[in-house]
Structure formats: C-alpha cells, structure tokens
Amino acid sequence: MSKKSKAYRAAAEKVDRTRVYSPLEAAKLAKETSSKNQDATVEVAIRLGVDPRKADQMVRGTVNLPHGTGKTVRVAVFAAGEKAAEAESAGADVVGSDDLIEKIQGGFLDFDAAIATPDQMAKVGRIARILGPRGLMPNPKTGTVTTDVAKAVADIKGGKINFRVDKQANLHLVIGKASFDEKRLAENYGAAIDEVLRLKPSTSKGRYLKKVTMSTTTGPGIPVDPTITRNFAEV
C-alpha cells in the first residue's frame, strides 16, 4: 500500500459515517483530513432531487462567495474598442476579438473563465465547440455575456463561481482552500447552498437536497446535514 493511500485511509477513519455534520463541523474536519503537503481546494458535492433530462429542472446559476475561492482566476474577455479597454483596466488577463478567437482555434486555453460583450457572441459562436465542453462558453444566464465587462471581470476575480447540474443530478462547487479557517469556509458554503435552494425548480418534487458532501481534493468526503444552511454559527 502506498504512503498516499495510507494517509488517505487514516484521514477517512476520522469521518464518522453514522452521522451528518453541520457545515462548520464539516469545514473543520475537511481541514483536518486534508493533505498537509499542499493547500488543497475545498469542494461541495450536492445530489439534487431533479431530473436533468427535463429542461424545466435544469439547475444552473452563479454565486458570489463572500470570502472568494482562494484561487487565482485567469479571465479572457471577447471585446473590442472601448469595452476592450475597460476589460484590460479591470484586470482581465487576455482581451481580444478575432485575434483571440484565432488564438484559441490554434490551441490557446490559458484561462479559467470567459466573458463576452453581446456584439461579439456571433464571432465567439465559431469556437463554441472548444469552449462549451470546458465550461468556458460565455452565457447571459451566468452574467458572462454583458456590456458591463469591468463588473463581470471584478466579480469573477473576486470569487464568483458558476455551477450547473450534471447528467447524474449532481452539482460540484468550490468553496475555498484548506488554508481558510472553518468559519470562512462555512460562510462560503452557506452562500452557495442558499443560491442552490433559491433556484429549486417548481416542478421538482420530494426532497430537493438529497445528499451533501464536503471534501478537499486530497481528503475523504464528509456528509453534511442538508437541513442546515446559514444557521450554523453557534453549532
């Protein structure tokens, strides 16, 4: 057995599988069970009571995490003229129009999020097959097709995350880093869960939050009580 697997097993043994944890407890345990060799990302996996095959049960949205993600996010902006200048001033990492599209067609993908002004979308459509599967295609529903490119860049750089239910009715959200204290992680968790609850489809029947698990990228999953969202400060 490898050293890594032994460490993982030792971490997994700290998780009581007979119970669920409050968000604050889960955040503390996620930190304790994370690898000490790196500042791992803390993630939340949510199983929803929806049928993603039905258009009216597609859960998709964005949330601004109060404490950010702890990650350095590279942002690309498709814009021209004055809007391109605004994007550059706001801190966008790469800005362009036809030139940026050609660069991406040539294999350039050194960015984590993409924004476009509405007038650029017809052009951006030419690379939809490249951006779409990677979750990088600008979309009005996530605020990444906009004339206010400066705000969009600031939001993403500041901790705005996008999420979308997958074919198995799961959501995966980043809520911070293992170096965050548990209170900041729990507050980010609360903001994310509140937004997921707000987006509950009216056609979804039965239990909406079926299962919630918190973990780091190097640690075991920790079951979280889905009935607790923001009422965790004293738990």
C-alpha atoms as a PDB file:
ATOM      1  CA  MET A   1       0.000   0.000   0.000  1.00  0.00           C
ATOM      2  CA  SER A   2       1.375   3.424  -0.935  1.00  0.00           C
ATOM      3  CA  LYS A   3       2.112   6.178   1.528  1.00  0.00           C
ATOM      4  CA  LYS A   4      -0.627   8.282  -0.044  1.00  0.00           C
ATOM      5  CA  SER A   5      -3.277   5.592   0.355  1.00  0.00           C
ATOM      6  CA  LYS A   6      -2.265   5.020   3.978  1.00  0.00           C
ATOM      7  CA  ALA A   7      -2.607   8.725   4.657  1.00  0.00           C
ATOM      8  CA  TYR A   8      -5.998   8.762   2.955  1.00  0.00           C
ATOM      9  CA  ARG A   9      -7.221   5.802   4.998  1.00  0.00           C
ATOM     10  CA  ALA A  10      -6.080   7.461   8.200  1.00  0.00           C
ATOM     11  CA  ALA A  11      -7.951  10.616   7.209  1.00  0.00           C
ATOM     12  CA  ALA A  12     -11.078   8.663   6.246  1.00  0.00           C
ATOM     13  CA  GLU A  13     -11.132   6.989   9.663  1.00  0.00           C
ATOM     14  CA  LYS A  14     -11.693  10.397  11.252  1.00  0.00           C
ATOM     15  CA  VAL A  15     -15.066  10.685   9.488  1.00  0.00           C
ATOM     16  CA  ASP A  16     -17.998   9.146  11.381  1.00  0.00           C
ATOM     17  CA  ARG A  17     -20.141   7.527   8.681  1.00  0.00           C
ATOM     18  CA  THR A  18     -23.066   7.045  11.082  1.00  0.00           C
ATOM     19  CA  ARG A  19     -23.846  10.761  11.279  1.00  0.00           C
ATOM     20  CA  VAL A  20     -24.035  14.005   9.320  1.00  0.00           C
ATOM     21  CA  TYR A  21     -22.074  17.118  10.244  1.00  0.00           C
ATOM     22  CA  SER A  22     -23.010  20.766  10.487  1.00  0.00           C
ATOM     23  CA  PRO A  23     -21.325  22.979   7.868  1.00  0.00           C
ATOM     24  CA  LEU A  24     -18.936  24.348  10.495  1.00  0.00           C
ATOM     25  CA  GLU A  25     -18.045  20.868  11.757  1.00  0.00           C
ATOM     26  CA  ALA A  26     -17.574  19.598   8.201  1.00  0.00           C
ATOM     27  CA  ALA A  27     -15.309  22.529   7.331  1.00  0.00           C
ATOM     28  CA  LYS A  28     -13.149  21.874  10.393  1.00  0.00           C
ATOM     29  CA  LEU A  29     -12.930  18.168   9.584  1.00  0.00           C
ATOM     30  CA  ALA A  30     -12.146  18.872   5.921  1.00  0.00           C
ATOM     31  CA  LYS A  31      -9.162  20.929   7.048  1.00  0.00           C
ATOM     32  CA  GLU A  32      -8.036  18.183   9.432  1.00  0.00           C
ATOM     33  CA  THR A  33      -8.276  15.437   6.802  1.00  0.00           C
ATOM     34  CA  SER A  34      -6.598  17.384   4.009  1.00  0.00           C
ATOM     35  CA  SER A  35      -3.065  16.641   2.876  1.00  0.00           C
ATOM     36  CA  LYS A  36      -0.531  18.736   4.752  1.00  0.00           C
ATOM     37  CA  ASN A  37       1.694  18.899   1.665  1.00  0.00           C
ATOM     38  CA  GLN A  38      -0.487  21.310  -0.305  1.00  0.00           C
ATOM     39  CA  ASP A  39      -3.192  23.927   0.093  1.00  0.00           C
ATOM     40  CA  ALA A  40      -5.980  21.756  -1.275  1.00  0.00           C
ATOM     41  CA  THR A  41      -9.214  23.091  -2.740  1.00  0.00           C
ATOM     42  CA  VAL A  42     -12.361  22.557  -0.646  1.00  0.00           C
ATOM     43  CA  GLU A  43     -15.342  21.361  -2.664  1.00  0.00           C
ATOM     44  CA  VAL A  44     -19.002  20.562  -2.085  1.00  0.00           C
ATOM     45  CA  ALA A  45     -20.882  17.862  -3.995  1.00  0.00           C
ATOM     46  CA  ILE A  46     -24.687  18.015  -3.933  1.00  0.00           C
ATOM     47  CA  ARG A  47     -27.105  15.344  -5.159  1.00  0.00           C
ATOM     48  CA  LEU A  48     -30.319  17.073  -6.203  1.00  0.00           C
ATOM     49  CA  GLY A  49     -33.839  15.718  -6.446  1.00  0.00           C
ATOM     50  CA  VAL A  50     -34.258  16.804 -10.062  1.00  0.00           C
ATOM     51  CA  ASP A  51     -34.351  15.173 -13.478  1.00  0.00           C
ATOM     52  CA  PRO A  52     -31.713  16.992 -15.579  1.00  0.00           C
ATOM     53  CA  ARG A  53     -33.228  15.485 -18.737  1.00  0.00           C
ATOM     54  CA  LYS A  54     -36.154  17.869 -18.300  1.00  0.00           C
ATOM     55  CA  ALA A  55     -35.461  21.439 -19.381  1.00  0.00           C
ATOM     56  CA  ASP A  56     -37.531  22.877 -16.533  1.00  0.00           C
ATOM     57  CA  GLN A  57     -35.419  21.028 -13.951  1.00  0.00           C
ATOM     58  CA  MET A  58     -32.011  22.218 -15.148  1.00  0.00           C
ATOM     59  CA  VAL A  59     -30.367  23.908 -12.162  1.00  0.00           C
ATOM     60  CA  ARG A  60     -27.763  26.424 -13.256  1.00  0.00           C
ATOM     61  CA  GLY A  61     -26.525  29.621 -11.691  1.00  0.00           C
ATOM     62  CA  THR A  62     -23.814  31.732 -10.143  1.00  0.00           C
ATOM     63  CA  VAL A  63     -22.926  32.845  -6.641  1.00  0.00           C
ATOM     64  CA  ASN A  64     -20.511  35.385  -5.235  1.00  0.00           C
ATOM     65  CA  LEU A  65     -18.689  33.699  -2.369  1.00  0.00           C
ATOM     66  CA  PRO A  66     -18.190  36.204   0.478  1.00  0.00           C
ATOM     67  CA  HIS A  67     -14.592  35.097   1.008  1.00  0.00           C
ATOM     68  CA  GLY A  68     -13.698  34.146  -2.559  1.00  0.00           C
ATOM     69  CA  THR A  69     -12.307  30.802  -3.684  1.00  0.00           C
ATOM     70  CA  GLY A  70      -8.673  31.355  -2.795  1.00  0.00           C
ATOM     71  CA  LYS A  71      -7.767  30.584  -6.391  1.00  0.00           C
ATOM     72  CA  THR A  72      -6.118  32.915  -8.877  1.00  0.00           C
ATOM     73  CA  VAL A  73      -8.581  33.018 -11.766  1.00  0.00           C
ATOM     74  CA  ARG A  74      -7.423  33.929 -15.269  1.00  0.00           C
ATOM     75  CA  VAL A  75     -10.151  35.721 -17.227  1.00  0.00           C
ATOM     76  CA  ALA A  76     -10.454  36.092 -21.002  1.00  0.00           C
ATOM     77  CA  VAL A  77     -12.696  38.790 -22.461  1.00  0.00           C
ATOM     78  CA  PHE A  78     -14.045  38.957 -26.008  1.00  0.00           C
ATOM     79  CA  ALA A  79     -14.487  42.659 -26.669  1.00  0.00           C
ATOM     80  CA  ALA A  80     -13.370  45.459 -28.959  1.00  0.00           C
ATOM     81  CA  GLY A  81     -12.733  49.179 -28.735  1.00  0.00           C
ATOM     82  CA  GLU A  82     -13.799  50.941 -25.550  1.00  0.00           C
ATOM     83  CA  LYS A  83     -15.086  47.728 -23.939  1.00  0.00           C
ATOM     84  CA  ALA A  84     -11.747  46.023 -24.538  1.00  0.00           C
ATOM     85  CA  ALA A  85     -10.017  48.913 -22.783  1.00  0.00           C
ATOM     86  CA  GLU A  86     -12.459  48.634 -19.853  1.00  0.00           C
ATOM     87  CA  ALA A  87     -11.749  44.908 -19.555  1.00  0.00           C
ATOM     88  CA  GLU A  88      -7.999  45.489 -19.523  1.00  0.00           C
ATOM     89  CA  SER A  89      -8.336  48.205 -16.869  1.00  0.00           C
ATOM     90  CA  ALA A  90     -10.438  45.849 -14.731  1.00  0.00           C
ATOM     91  CA  GLY A  91      -7.664  43.263 -14.724  1.00  0.00           C
ATOM     92  CA  ALA A  92      -8.655  40.820 -17.464  1.00  0.00           C
ATOM     93  CA  ASP A  93      -5.744  38.529 -18.310  1.00  0.00           C
ATOM     94  CA  VAL A  94      -6.358  38.337 -22.048  1.00  0.00           C
ATOM     95  CA  VAL A  95      -8.585  40.558 -24.194  1.00  0.00           C
ATOM     96  CA  GLY A  96      -9.361  40.399 -27.885  1.00  0.00           C
ATOM     97  CA  SER A  97     -11.839  39.762 -30.669  1.00  0.00           C
ATOM     98  CA  ASP A  98     -10.996  37.969 -33.917  1.00  0.00           C
ATOM     99  CA  ASP A  99      -7.370  37.745 -32.833  1.00  0.00           C
ATOM    100  CA  LEU A 100      -8.277  35.992 -29.567  1.00  0.00           C
ATOM    101  CA  ILE A 101     -10.643  33.632 -31.380  1.00  0.00           C
ATOM    102  CA  GLU A 102      -7.898  32.662 -33.819  1.00  0.00           C
ATOM    103  CA  LYS A 103      -5.507  32.142 -30.919  1.00  0.00           C
ATOM    104  CA  ILE A 104      -7.990  29.780 -29.236  1.00  0.00           C
ATOM    105  CA  GLN A 105      -8.544  27.925 -32.505  1.00  0.00           C
ATOM    106  CA  GLY A 106      -4.789  27.408 -32.500  1.00  0.00           C
ATOM    107  CA  GLY A 107      -4.888  25.741 -29.091  1.00  0.00           C
ATOM    108  CA  PHE A 108      -4.648  28.601 -26.583  1.00  0.00           C
ATOM    109  CA  LEU A 109      -6.738  27.883 -23.481  1.00  0.00           C
ATOM    110  CA  ASP A 110      -4.748  29.516 -20.693  1.00  0.00           C
ATOM    111  CA  PHE A 111      -7.767  30.980 -18.873  1.00  0.00           C
ATOM    112  CA  ASP A 112     -10.365  29.801 -16.347  1.00  0.00           C
ATOM    113  CA  ALA A 113     -13.379  31.919 -17.321  1.00  0.00           C
ATOM    114  CA  ALA A 114     -14.553  33.845 -20.370  1.00  0.00           C
ATOM    115  CA  ILE A 115     -16.670  36.960 -20.789  1.00  0.00           C
ATOM    116  CA  ALA A 116     -18.043  38.489 -23.990  1.00  0.00           C
ATOM    117  CA  THR A 117     -19.897  41.624 -24.970  1.00  0.00           C
ATOM    118  CA  PRO A 118     -23.175  40.865 -26.802  1.00  0.00           C
ATOM    119  CA  ASP A 119     -21.838  42.125 -30.142  1.00  0.00           C
ATOM    120  CA  GLN A 120     -19.028  39.550 -30.007  1.00  0.00           C
ATOM    121  CA  MET A 121     -21.202  36.467 -29.494  1.00  0.00           C
ATOM    122  CA  ALA A 122     -21.742  35.731 -33.191  1.00  0.00           C
ATOM    123  CA  LYS A 123     -17.979  35.500 -33.570  1.00  0.00           C
ATOM    124  CA  VAL A 124     -17.486  33.556 -30.327  1.00  0.00           C
ATOM    125  CA  GLY A 125     -20.007  31.021 -31.630  1.00  0.00           C
ATOM    126  CA  ARG A 126     -17.297  29.836 -34.017  1.00  0.00           C
ATOM    127  CA  ILE A 127     -15.385  28.361 -31.076  1.00  0.00           C
ATOM    128  CA  ALA A 128     -18.386  27.100 -29.093  1.00  0.00           C
ATOM    129  CA  ARG A 129     -17.264  23.502 -29.637  1.00  0.00           C
ATOM    130  CA  ILE A 130     -13.954  24.346 -27.994  1.00  0.00           C
ATOM    131  CA  LEU A 131     -15.260  26.449 -25.113  1.00  0.00           C
ATOM    132  CA  GLY A 132     -18.545  24.654 -24.389  1.00  0.00           C
ATOM    133  CA  PRO A 133     -17.237  21.255 -23.235  1.00  0.00           C
ATOM    134  CA  ARG A 134     -14.766  23.037 -20.937  1.00  0.00           C
ATOM    135  CA  GLY A 135     -17.433  25.187 -19.302  1.00  0.00           C
ATOM    136  CA  LEU A 136     -15.878  28.330 -20.778  1.00  0.00           C
ATOM    137  CA  MET A 137     -18.613  29.480 -23.172  1.00  0.00           C
ATOM    138  CA  PRO A 138     -19.969  32.928 -22.205  1.00  0.00           C
ATOM    139  CA  ASN A 139     -23.655  32.812 -21.307  1.00  0.00           C
ATOM    140  CA  PRO A 140     -26.163  35.563 -20.407  1.00  0.00           C
ATOM    141  CA  LYS A 141     -27.598  33.370 -17.631  1.00  0.00           C
ATOM    142  CA  THR A 142     -24.293  33.411 -15.772  1.00  0.00           C
ATOM    143  CA  GLY A 143     -23.627  37.092 -16.369  1.00  0.00           C
ATOM    144  CA  THR A 144     -20.723  36.413 -18.703  1.00  0.00           C
ATOM    145  CA  VAL A 145     -22.392  37.989 -21.745  1.00  0.00           C
ATOM    146  CA  THR A 146     -22.640  41.626 -20.745  1.00  0.00           C
ATOM    147  CA  THR A 147     -21.823  45.200 -21.675  1.00  0.00           C
ATOM    148  CA  ASP A 148     -20.511  45.806 -18.147  1.00  0.00           C
ATOM    149  CA  VAL A 149     -17.292  43.877 -18.669  1.00  0.00           C
ATOM    150  CA  ALA A 150     -15.478  45.641 -15.828  1.00  0.00           C
ATOM    151  CA  LYS A 151     -18.004  44.405 -13.255  1.00  0.00           C
ATOM    152  CA  ALA A 152     -18.015  40.901 -14.732  1.00  0.00           C
ATOM    153  CA  VAL A 153     -14.221  40.696 -14.508  1.00  0.00           C
ATOM    154  CA  ALA A 154     -14.265  42.024 -10.932  1.00  0.00           C
ATOM    155  CA  ASP A 155     -16.976  39.533  -9.904  1.00  0.00           C
ATOM    156  CA  ILE A 156     -15.087  36.534 -11.255  1.00  0.00           C
ATOM    157  CA  LYS A 157     -11.754  37.686  -9.864  1.00  0.00           C
ATOM    158  CA  GLY A 158     -13.451  38.319  -6.519  1.00  0.00           C
ATOM    159  CA  GLY A 159     -14.917  34.851  -6.067  1.00  0.00           C
ATOM    160  CA  LYS A 160     -17.942  34.465  -8.317  1.00  0.00           C
ATOM    161  CA  ILE A 161     -18.445  30.819  -9.270  1.00  0.00           C
ATOM    162  CA  ASN A 162     -20.690  29.159 -11.839  1.00  0.00           C
ATOM    163  CA  PHE A 163     -22.447  25.852 -11.298  1.00  0.00           C
ATOM    164  CA  ARG A 164     -24.617  23.542 -13.359  1.00  0.00           C
ATOM    165  CA  VAL A 165     -26.260  20.222 -12.561  1.00  0.00           C
ATOM    166  CA  ASP A 166     -24.733  17.285 -14.443  1.00  0.00           C
ATOM    167  CA  LYS A 167     -26.476  14.326 -16.079  1.00  0.00           C
ATOM    168  CA  GLN A 168     -26.490  12.424 -12.782  1.00  0.00           C
ATOM    169  CA  ALA A 169     -28.228  15.326 -10.967  1.00  0.00           C
ATOM    170  CA  ASN A 170     -25.049  16.346  -9.129  1.00  0.00           C
ATOM    171  CA  LEU A 171     -23.630  19.801  -8.512  1.00  0.00           C
ATOM    172  CA  HIS A 172     -19.956  20.424  -7.761  1.00  0.00           C
ATOM    173  CA  LEU A 173     -18.918  23.740  -6.217  1.00  0.00           C
ATOM    174  CA  VAL A 174     -15.584  25.109  -4.998  1.00  0.00           C
ATOM    175  CA  ILE A 175     -15.958  26.954  -1.665  1.00  0.00           C
ATOM    176  CA  GLY A 176     -12.360  27.790  -0.785  1.00  0.00           C
ATOM    177  CA  LYS A 177      -8.996  26.428   0.251  1.00  0.00           C
ATOM    178  CA  ALA A 178      -7.857  24.264   3.161  1.00  0.00           C
ATOM    179  CA  SER A 179      -5.895  27.282   4.414  1.00  0.00           C
ATOM    180  CA  PHE A 180      -9.185  29.141   5.053  1.00  0.00           C
ATOM    181  CA  ASP A 181     -10.424  28.996   8.638  1.00  0.00           C
ATOM    182  CA  GLU A 182     -13.560  26.913   9.139  1.00  0.00           C
ATOM    183  CA  LYS A 183     -15.801  29.954   9.664  1.00  0.00           C
ATOM    184  CA  ARG A 184     -14.922  31.401   6.244  1.00  0.00           C
ATOM    185  CA  LEU A 185     -15.462  28.009   4.609  1.00  0.00           C
ATOM    186  CA  ALA A 186     -18.822  27.620   6.359  1.00  0.00           C
ATOM    187  CA  GLU A 187     -19.919  31.105   5.296  1.00  0.00           C
ATOM    188  CA  ASN A 188     -18.960  30.395   1.686  1.00  0.00           C
ATOM    189  CA  TYR A 189     -20.864  27.113   1.950  1.00  0.00           C
ATOM    190  CA  GLY A 190     -23.933  28.946   3.272  1.00  0.00           C
ATOM    191  CA  ALA A 191     -23.896  31.430   0.398  1.00  0.00           C
ATOM    192  CA  ALA A 192     -23.620  28.621  -2.156  1.00  0.00           C
ATOM    193  CA  ILE A 193     -26.371  26.492  -0.603  1.00  0.00           C
ATOM    194  CA  ASP A 194     -28.718  29.471  -0.296  1.00  0.00           C
ATOM    195  CA  GLU A 195     -28.380  30.130  -4.027  1.00  0.00           C
ATOM    196  CA  VAL A 196     -28.917  26.465  -4.915  1.00  0.00           C
ATOM    197  CA  LEU A 197     -32.073  26.466  -2.776  1.00  0.00           C
ATOM    198  CA  ARG A 198     -33.293  29.681  -4.410  1.00  0.00           C
ATOM    199  CA  LEU A 199     -33.018  28.003  -7.807  1.00  0.00           C
ATOM    200  CA  LYS A 200     -35.147  24.979  -6.866  1.00  0.00           C
ATOM    201  CA  PRO A 201     -37.384  24.209  -9.884  1.00  0.00           C
ATOM    202  CA  SER A 202     -41.108  24.430  -9.152  1.00  0.00           C
ATOM    203  CA  THR A 203     -41.523  21.049 -10.864  1.00  0.00           C
ATOM    204  CA  SER A 204     -39.048  19.315  -8.534  1.00  0.00           C
ATOM    205  CA  LYS A 205     -40.986  17.021  -6.210  1.00  0.00           C
ATOM    206  CA  GLY A 206     -39.895  15.413  -2.969  1.00  0.00           C
ATOM    207  CA  ARG A 207     -36.593  16.105  -1.286  1.00  0.00           C
ATOM    208  CA  TYR A 208     -34.527  18.671  -3.197  1.00  0.00           C
ATOM    209  CA  LEU A 209     -31.170  18.416  -1.400  1.00  0.00           C
ATOM    210  CA  LYS A 210     -30.801  14.654  -1.290  1.00  0.00           C
ATOM    211  CA  LYS A 211     -27.165  14.448  -0.235  1.00  0.00           C
ATOM    212  CA  VAL A 212     -24.427  16.970   0.510  1.00  0.00           C
ATOM    213  CA  THR A 213     -20.754  16.102   0.891  1.00  0.00           C
ATOM    214  CA  MET A 214     -17.793  18.357   1.653  1.00  0.00           C
ATOM    215  CA  SER A 215     -14.192  17.382   0.949  1.00  0.00           C
ATOM    216  CA  THR A 216     -10.811  18.644  -0.098  1.00  0.00           C
ATOM    217  CA  THR A 217      -9.265  17.463  -3.339  1.00  0.00           C
ATOM    218  CA  THR A 218      -6.947  15.253  -1.271  1.00  0.00           C
ATOM    219  CA  GLY A 219      -9.313  14.163   1.503  1.00  0.00           C
ATOM    220  CA  PRO A 220     -12.362  11.957   2.124  1.00  0.00           C
ATOM    221  CA  GLY A 221     -15.967  13.045   1.678  1.00  0.00           C
ATOM    222  CA  ILE A 222     -17.700  14.373   4.788  1.00  0.00           C
ATOM    223  CA  PRO A 223     -21.526  14.108   4.905  1.00  0.00           C
ATOM    224  CA  VAL A 224     -23.163  17.473   5.655  1.00  0.00           C
ATOM    225  CA  ASP A 225     -26.625  17.975   7.150  1.00  0.00           C
ATOM    226  CA  PRO A 226     -28.643  19.360   4.198  1.00  0.00           C
ATOM    227  CA  THR A 227     -31.181  20.979   6.542  1.00  0.00           C
ATOM    228  CA  ILE A 228     -28.592  23.452   7.874  1.00  0.00           C
ATOM    229  CA  THR A 229     -27.669  26.355   5.609  1.00  0.00           C
ATOM    230  CA  ARG A 230     -26.821  29.631   7.323  1.00  0.00           C
ATOM    231  CA  ASN A 231     -27.934  28.678  10.847  1.00  0.00           C
ATOM    232  CA  PHE A 232     -24.566  27.229  11.771  1.00  0.00           C
ATOM    233  CA  ALA A 233     -22.707  29.978  13.613  1.00  0.00           C
ATOM    234  CA  GLU A 234     -23.364  28.503  17.046  1.00  0.00           C
ATOM    235  CA  VAL A 235     -23.348  24.821  16.030  1.00  0.00           C
END
